[in-house]
């Protein structure tokens, strides 16, 4: 399953950090952050609950860039 989320991030480098943090989250098969459109695309592992996984993605992204936001 793939979902797209609106995000708020200050710069392309921060967007890169968010993408890396999301990709390294358990339950995420793939993730991509587009700084220009301020959107994050997340593909979830089969059987993963997107709501639970996104809680972890948000925590990991905050560790990478404390000023970022993901609108879940």
PDB file of N, CA and C in Angstrom:
ATOM      1  N   UNK A   1       0.844  -1.167   0.000  1.00  0.00           N
ATOM      2  CA  UNK A   1       0.000   0.000   0.000  1.00  0.00           C
ATOM      3  C   UNK A   1       0.893   1.234   0.000  1.00  0.00           C
ATOM      4  N   UNK A   2       0.483   2.228  -0.752  1.00  0.00           N
ATOM      5  CA  UNK A   2       1.243   3.470  -0.867  1.00  0.00           C
ATOM      6  C   UNK A   2       0.340   4.643  -0.517  1.00  0.00           C
ATOM      7  N   UNK A   3       0.858   5.568   0.299  1.00  0.00           N
ATOM      8  CA  UNK A   3       0.095   6.757   0.676  1.00  0.00           C
ATOM      9  C   UNK A   3       0.978   7.988   0.523  1.00  0.00           C
ATOM     10  N   UNK A   4       0.325   9.129   0.306  1.00  0.00           N
ATOM     11  CA  UNK A   4       1.036  10.397   0.161  1.00  0.00           C
ATOM     12  C   UNK A   4       0.594  11.326   1.286  1.00  0.00           C
ATOM     13  N   UNK A   5       1.579  11.973   1.904  1.00  0.00           N
ATOM     14  CA  UNK A   5       1.327  12.861   3.038  1.00  0.00           C
ATOM     15  C   UNK A   5       1.884  14.242   2.746  1.00  0.00           C
ATOM     16  N   UNK A   6       1.162  15.250   3.202  1.00  0.00           N
ATOM     17  CA  UNK A   6       1.639  16.634   3.106  1.00  0.00           C
ATOM     18  C   UNK A   6       2.672  16.819   4.218  1.00  0.00           C
ATOM     19  N   UNK A   7       3.744  17.538   3.910  1.00  0.00           N
ATOM     20  CA  UNK A   7       4.801  17.778   4.889  1.00  0.00           C
ATOM     21  C   UNK A   7       5.145  19.255   4.935  1.00  0.00           C
ATOM     22  N   UNK A   8       5.864  19.627   5.967  1.00  0.00           N
ATOM     23  CA  UNK A   8       6.424  20.971   6.071  1.00  0.00           C
ATOM     24  C   UNK A   8       7.891  20.799   6.441  1.00  0.00           C
ATOM     25  N   UNK A   9       8.765  21.276   5.575  1.00  0.00           N
ATOM     26  CA  UNK A   9      10.204  21.153   5.781  1.00  0.00           C
ATOM     27  C   UNK A   9      10.869  22.406   5.218  1.00  0.00           C
ATOM     28  N   UNK A  10      11.965  22.835   5.849  1.00  0.00           N
ATOM     29  CA  UNK A  10      12.579  24.124   5.521  1.00  0.00           C
ATOM     30  C   UNK A  10      13.503  24.143   4.309  1.00  0.00           C
ATOM     31  N   UNK A  11      14.192  23.035   4.040  1.00  0.00           N
ATOM     32  CA  UNK A  11      15.183  23.073   2.965  1.00  0.00           C
ATOM     33  C   UNK A  11      15.343  21.693   2.323  1.00  0.00           C
ATOM     34  N   UNK A  12      15.927  21.633   1.137  1.00  0.00           N
ATOM     35  CA  UNK A  12      16.117  20.343   0.460  1.00  0.00           C
ATOM     36  C   UNK A  12      16.965  19.361   1.272  1.00  0.00           C
ATOM     37  N   UNK A  13      17.955  19.866   1.995  1.00  0.00           N
ATOM     38  CA  UNK A  13      18.805  18.986   2.797  1.00  0.00           C
ATOM     39  C   UNK A  13      17.994  18.339   3.928  1.00  0.00           C
ATOM     40  N   UNK A  14      17.109  19.105   4.526  1.00  0.00           N
ATOM     41  CA  UNK A  14      16.243  18.573   5.580  1.00  0.00           C
ATOM     42  C   UNK A  14      15.277  17.538   4.999  1.00  0.00           C
ATOM     43  N   UNK A  15      14.786  17.790   3.794  1.00  0.00           N
ATOM     44  CA  UNK A  15      13.899  16.841   3.120  1.00  0.00           C
ATOM     45  C   UNK A  15      14.628  15.518   2.881  1.00  0.00           C
ATOM     46  N   UNK A  16      15.902  15.612   2.535  1.00  0.00           N
ATOM     47  CA  UNK A  16      16.718  14.410   2.330  1.00  0.00           C
ATOM     48  C   UNK A  16      16.861  13.620   3.629  1.00  0.00           C
ATOM     49  N   UNK A  17      17.044  14.333   4.733  1.00  0.00           N
ATOM     50  CA  UNK A  17      17.145  13.681   6.044  1.00  0.00           C
ATOM     51  C   UNK A  17      15.838  12.978   6.397  1.00  0.00           C
ATOM     52  N   UNK A  18      14.719  13.647   6.097  1.00  0.00           N
ATOM     53  CA  UNK A  18      13.405  13.047   6.363  1.00  0.00           C
ATOM     54  C   UNK A  18      13.221  11.778   5.557  1.00  0.00           C
ATOM     55  N   UNK A  19      13.592  11.835   4.282  1.00  0.00           N
ATOM     56  CA  UNK A  19      13.444  10.674   3.410  1.00  0.00           C
ATOM     57  C   UNK A  19      14.256   9.496   3.937  1.00  0.00           C
ATOM     58  N   UNK A  20      15.478   9.764   4.320  1.00  0.00           N
ATOM     59  CA  UNK A  20      16.350   8.713   4.846  1.00  0.00           C
ATOM     60  C   UNK A  20      15.774   8.126   6.131  1.00  0.00           C
ATOM     61  N   UNK A  21      15.288   8.993   7.021  1.00  0.00           N
ATOM     62  CA  UNK A  21      14.706   8.528   8.284  1.00  0.00           C
ATOM     63  C   UNK A  21      13.474   7.656   8.024  1.00  0.00           C
ATOM     64  N   UNK A  22      12.638   8.075   7.076  1.00  0.00           N
ATOM     65  CA  UNK A  22      11.433   7.300   6.759  1.00  0.00           C
ATOM     66  C   UNK A  22      11.797   5.942   6.173  1.00  0.00           C
ATOM     67  N   UNK A  23      12.759   5.924   5.262  1.00  0.00           N
ATOM     68  CA  UNK A  23      13.174   4.674   4.626  1.00  0.00           C
ATOM     69  C   UNK A  23      13.723   3.676   5.632  1.00  0.00           C
ATOM     70  N   UNK A  24      14.315   4.178   6.713  1.00  0.00           N
ATOM     71  CA  UNK A  24      14.916   3.311   7.714  1.00  0.00           C
ATOM     72  C   UNK A  24      13.965   2.954   8.854  1.00  0.00           C
ATOM     73  N   UNK A  25      12.684   3.184   8.647  1.00  0.00           N
ATOM     74  CA  UNK A  25      11.671   2.867   9.651  1.00  0.00           C
ATOM     75  C   UNK A  25      11.080   1.489   9.361  1.00  0.00           C
ATOM     76  N   UNK A  26      10.951   0.687  10.413  1.00  0.00           N
ATOM     77  CA  UNK A  26      10.363  -0.642  10.259  1.00  0.00           C
ATOM     78  C   UNK A  26       8.931  -0.518   9.748  1.00  0.00           C
ATOM     79  N   UNK A  27       8.595  -1.310   8.750  1.00  0.00           N
ATOM     80  CA  UNK A  27       7.263  -1.276   8.161  1.00  0.00           C
ATOM     81  C   UNK A  27       7.190  -0.466   6.879  1.00  0.00           C
ATOM     82  N   UNK A  28       8.287   0.247   6.563  1.00  0.00           N
ATOM     83  CA  UNK A  28       8.330   1.060   5.339  1.00  0.00           C
ATOM     84  C   UNK A  28       9.134   0.311   4.281  1.00  0.00           C
ATOM     85  N   UNK A  29       8.504   0.053   3.141  1.00  0.00           N
ATOM     86  CA  UNK A  29       9.185  -0.602   2.027  1.00  0.00           C
ATOM     87  C   UNK A  29       9.993   0.427   1.235  1.00  0.00           C
ATOM     88  N   UNK A  30       9.429   1.639   1.079  1.00  0.00           N
ATOM     89  CA  UNK A  30      10.119   2.700   0.356  1.00  0.00           C
ATOM     90  C   UNK A  30       9.475   4.039   0.727  1.00  0.00           C
ATOM     91  N   UNK A  31      10.247   5.094   0.587  1.00  0.00           N
ATOM     92  CA  UNK A  31       9.735   6.437   0.864  1.00  0.00           C
ATOM     93  C   UNK A  31      10.450   7.432  -0.031  1.00  0.00           C
ATOM     94  N   UNK A  32       9.741   8.492  -0.376  1.00  0.00           N
ATOM     95  CA  UNK A  32      10.320   9.559  -1.194  1.00  0.00           C
ATOM     96  C   UNK A  32       9.740  10.885  -0.720  1.00  0.00           C
ATOM     97  N   UNK A  33      10.616  11.877  -0.575  1.00  0.00           N
ATOM     98  CA  UNK A  33      10.188  13.216  -0.179  1.00  0.00           C
ATOM     99  C   UNK A  33      10.470  14.164  -1.332  1.00  0.00           C
ATOM    100  N   UNK A  34       9.454  14.948  -1.690  1.00  0.00           N
ATOM    101  CA  UNK A  34       9.602  15.940  -2.740  1.00  0.00           C
ATOM    102  C   UNK A  34       9.539  17.324  -2.092  1.00  0.00           C
ATOM    103  N   UNK A  35      10.680  17.990  -2.023  1.00  0.00           N
ATOM    104  CA  UNK A  35      10.749  19.301  -1.383  1.00  0.00           C
ATOM    105  C   UNK A  35       9.914  20.334  -2.142  1.00  0.00           C
ATOM    106  N   UNK A  36       9.897  20.259  -3.451  1.00  0.00           N
ATOM    107  CA  UNK A  36       9.183  21.255  -4.261  1.00  0.00           C
ATOM    108  C   UNK A  36       7.669  21.208  -4.037  1.00  0.00           C
ATOM    109  N   UNK A  37       7.120  20.007  -3.899  1.00  0.00           N
ATOM    110  CA  UNK A  37       5.667  19.884  -3.702  1.00  0.00           C
ATOM    111  C   UNK A  37       5.288  19.748  -2.230  1.00  0.00           C
ATOM    112  N   UNK A  38       6.311  19.601  -1.359  1.00  0.00           N
ATOM    113  CA  UNK A  38       6.105  19.381   0.073  1.00  0.00           C
ATOM    114  C   UNK A  38       5.201  18.172   0.334  1.00  0.00           C
ATOM    115  N   UNK A  39       5.591  17.062  -0.292  1.00  0.00           N
ATOM    116  CA  UNK A  39       4.852  15.811  -0.119  1.00  0.00           C
ATOM    117  C   UNK A  39       5.815  14.659   0.123  1.00  0.00           C
ATOM    118  N   UNK A  40       5.343  13.707   0.911  1.00  0.00           N
ATOM    119  CA  UNK A  40       6.091  12.487   1.181  1.00  0.00           C
ATOM    120  C   UNK A  40       5.244  11.299   0.741  1.00  0.00           C
ATOM    121  N   UNK A  41       5.841  10.454  -0.072  1.00  0.00           N
ATOM    122  CA  UNK A  41       5.190   9.230  -0.526  1.00  0.00           C
ATOM    123  C   UNK A  41       5.787   8.076   0.271  1.00  0.00           C
ATOM    124  N   UNK A  42       4.920   7.289   0.892  1.00  0.00           N
ATOM    125  CA  UNK A  42       5.380   6.166   1.706  1.00  0.00           C
ATOM    126  C   UNK A  42       4.713   4.885   1.214  1.00  0.00           C
ATOM    127  N   UNK A  43       5.547   3.909   0.908  1.00  0.00           N
ATOM    128  CA  UNK A  43       5.049   2.580   0.535  1.00  0.00           C
ATOM    129  C   UNK A  43       5.308   1.670   1.727  1.00  0.00           C
ATOM    130  N   UNK A  44       4.250   1.043   2.198  1.00  0.00           N
ATOM    131  CA  UNK A  44       4.318   0.222   3.406  1.00  0.00           C
ATOM    132  C   UNK A  44       4.573  -1.248   3.075  1.00  0.00           C
ATOM    133  N   UNK A  45       5.252  -1.926   4.004  1.00  0.00           N
ATOM    134  CA  UNK A  45       5.443  -3.363   3.864  1.00  0.00           C
ATOM    135  C   UNK A  45       4.077  -4.045   3.891  1.00  0.00           C
ATOM    136  N   UNK A  46       3.999  -5.177   3.227  1.00  0.00           N
ATOM    137  CA  UNK A  46       2.751  -5.936   3.201  1.00  0.00           C
ATOM    138  C   UNK A  46       2.373  -6.337   4.625  1.00  0.00           C
ATOM    139  N   UNK A  47       1.123  -6.093   4.991  1.00  0.00           N
ATOM    140  CA  UNK A  47       0.626  -6.446   6.311  1.00  0.00           C
ATOM    141  C   UNK A  47       0.879  -5.401   7.384  1.00  0.00           C
ATOM    142  N   UNK A  48       1.621  -4.353   7.067  1.00  0.00           N
ATOM    143  CA  UNK A  48       1.906  -3.302   8.044  1.00  0.00           C
ATOM    144  C   UNK A  48       0.705  -2.370   8.178  1.00  0.00           C
ATOM    145  N   UNK A  49       0.450  -1.893   9.390  1.00  0.00           N
ATOM    146  CA  UNK A  49      -0.631  -0.939   9.639  1.00  0.00           C
ATOM    147  C   UNK A  49      -0.082   0.471   9.417  1.00  0.00           C
ATOM    148  N   UNK A  50      -0.543   1.161   8.379  1.00  0.00           N
ATOM    149  CA  UNK A  50      -0.013   2.493   8.062  1.00  0.00           C
ATOM    150  C   UNK A  50      -0.052   3.480   9.233  1.00  0.00           C
ATOM    151  N   UNK A  51      -1.103   3.438  10.046  1.00  0.00           N
ATOM    152  CA  UNK A  51      -1.197   4.373  11.176  1.00  0.00           C
ATOM    153  C   UNK A  51      -0.083   4.142  12.186  1.00  0.00           C
ATOM    154  N   UNK A  52       0.166   2.876  12.514  1.00  0.00           N
ATOM    155  CA  UNK A  52       1.236   2.557  13.466  1.00  0.00           C
ATOM    156  C   UNK A  52       2.605   2.897  12.891  1.00  0.00           C
ATOM    157  N   UNK A  53       2.811   2.548  11.628  1.00  0.00           N
ATOM    158  CA  UNK A  53       4.101   2.818  10.986  1.00  0.00           C
ATOM    159  C   UNK A  53       4.353   4.317  10.915  1.00  0.00           C
ATOM    160  N   UNK A  54       3.335   5.100  10.607  1.00  0.00           N
ATOM    161  CA  UNK A  54       3.518   6.550  10.483  1.00  0.00           C
ATOM    162  C   UNK A  54       3.855   7.208  11.816  1.00  0.00           C
ATOM    163  N   UNK A  55       3.418   6.631  12.916  1.00  0.00           N
ATOM    164  CA  UNK A  55       3.826   7.148  14.225  1.00  0.00           C
ATOM    165  C   UNK A  55       5.341   7.037  14.360  1.00  0.00           C
ATOM    166  N   UNK A  56       5.879   5.898  13.949  1.00  0.00           N
ATOM    167  CA  UNK A  56       7.326   5.692  14.005  1.00  0.00           C
ATOM    168  C   UNK A  56       8.049   6.580  13.002  1.00  0.00           C
ATOM    169  N   UNK A  57       7.476   6.728  11.807  1.00  0.00           N
ATOM    170  CA  UNK A  57       8.081   7.589  10.782  1.00  0.00           C
ATOM    171  C   UNK A  57       8.171   9.019  11.319  1.00  0.00           C
ATOM    172  N   UNK A  58       7.111   9.509  11.930  1.00  0.00           N
ATOM    173  CA  UNK A  58       7.105  10.872  12.478  1.00  0.00           C
ATOM    174  C   UNK A  58       8.192  11.041  13.540  1.00  0.00           C
ATOM    175  N   UNK A  59       8.318  10.060  14.430  1.00  0.00           N
ATOM    176  CA  UNK A  59       9.344  10.123  15.480  1.00  0.00           C
ATOM    177  C   UNK A  59      10.744  10.140  14.869  1.00  0.00           C
ATOM    178  N   UNK A  60      10.975   9.257  13.898  1.00  0.00           N
ATOM    179  CA  UNK A  60      12.293   9.180  13.271  1.00  0.00           C
ATOM    180  C   UNK A  60      12.623  10.460  12.500  1.00  0.00           C
ATOM    181  N   UNK A  61      11.639  11.018  11.829  1.00  0.00           N
ATOM    182  CA  UNK A  61      11.870  12.256  11.077  1.00  0.00           C
ATOM    183  C   UNK A  61      12.150  13.415  12.025  1.00  0.00           C
ATOM    184  N   UNK A  62      11.467  13.466  13.162  1.00  0.00           N
ATOM    185  CA  UNK A  62      11.720  14.516  14.148  1.00  0.00           C
ATOM    186  C   UNK A  62      13.141  14.418  14.699  1.00  0.00           C
ATOM    187  N   UNK A  63      13.651  13.186  14.836  1.00  0.00           N
ATOM    188  CA  UNK A  63      15.033  13.014  15.285  1.00  0.00           C
ATOM    189  C   UNK A  63      16.005  13.561  14.241  1.00  0.00           C
ATOM    190  N   UNK A  64      15.667  13.372  12.976  1.00  0.00           N
ATOM    191  CA  UNK A  64      16.529  13.822  11.887  1.00  0.00           C
ATOM    192  C   UNK A  64      16.459  15.342  11.696  1.00  0.00           C
ATOM    193  N   UNK A  65      15.259  15.909  11.853  1.00  0.00           N
ATOM    194  CA  UNK A  65      15.062  17.351  11.716  1.00  0.00           C
ATOM    195  C   UNK A  65      13.886  17.753  12.597  1.00  0.00           C
ATOM    196  N   UNK A  66      14.174  18.333  13.730  1.00  0.00           N
ATOM    197  CA  UNK A  66      13.128  18.607  14.714  1.00  0.00           C
ATOM    198  C   UNK A  66      12.081  19.617  14.240  1.00  0.00           C
ATOM    199  N   UNK A  67      12.379  20.385  13.187  1.00  0.00           N
ATOM    200  CA  UNK A  67      11.432  21.386  12.696  1.00  0.00           C
ATOM    201  C   UNK A  67      10.485  20.865  11.614  1.00  0.00           C
ATOM    202  N   UNK A  68      10.641  19.624  11.213  1.00  0.00           N
ATOM    203  CA  UNK A  68       9.795  19.085  10.141  1.00  0.00           C
ATOM    204  C   UNK A  68       8.433  18.679  10.684  1.00  0.00           C
ATOM    205  N   UNK A  69       7.456  18.629   9.804  1.00  0.00           N
ATOM    206  CA  UNK A  69       6.105  18.190  10.144  1.00  0.00           C
ATOM    207  C   UNK A  69       5.586  17.247   9.065  1.00  0.00           C
ATOM    208  N   UNK A  70       4.875  16.235   9.496  1.00  0.00           N
ATOM    209  CA  UNK A  70       4.176  15.335   8.581  1.00  0.00           C
ATOM    210  C   UNK A  70       2.714  15.372   8.992  1.00  0.00           C
ATOM    211  N   UNK A  71       1.854  15.721   8.061  1.00  0.00           N
ATOM    212  CA  UNK A  71       0.420  15.823   8.357  1.00  0.00           C
ATOM    213  C   UNK A  71      -0.237  14.486   8.032  1.00  0.00           C
ATOM    214  N   UNK A  72      -0.435  13.704   9.083  1.00  0.00           N
ATOM    215  CA  UNK A  72      -0.963  12.343   8.941  1.00  0.00           C
ATOM    216  C   UNK A  72      -2.469  12.375   8.986  1.00  0.00           C
TER     217      UNK A  72
END
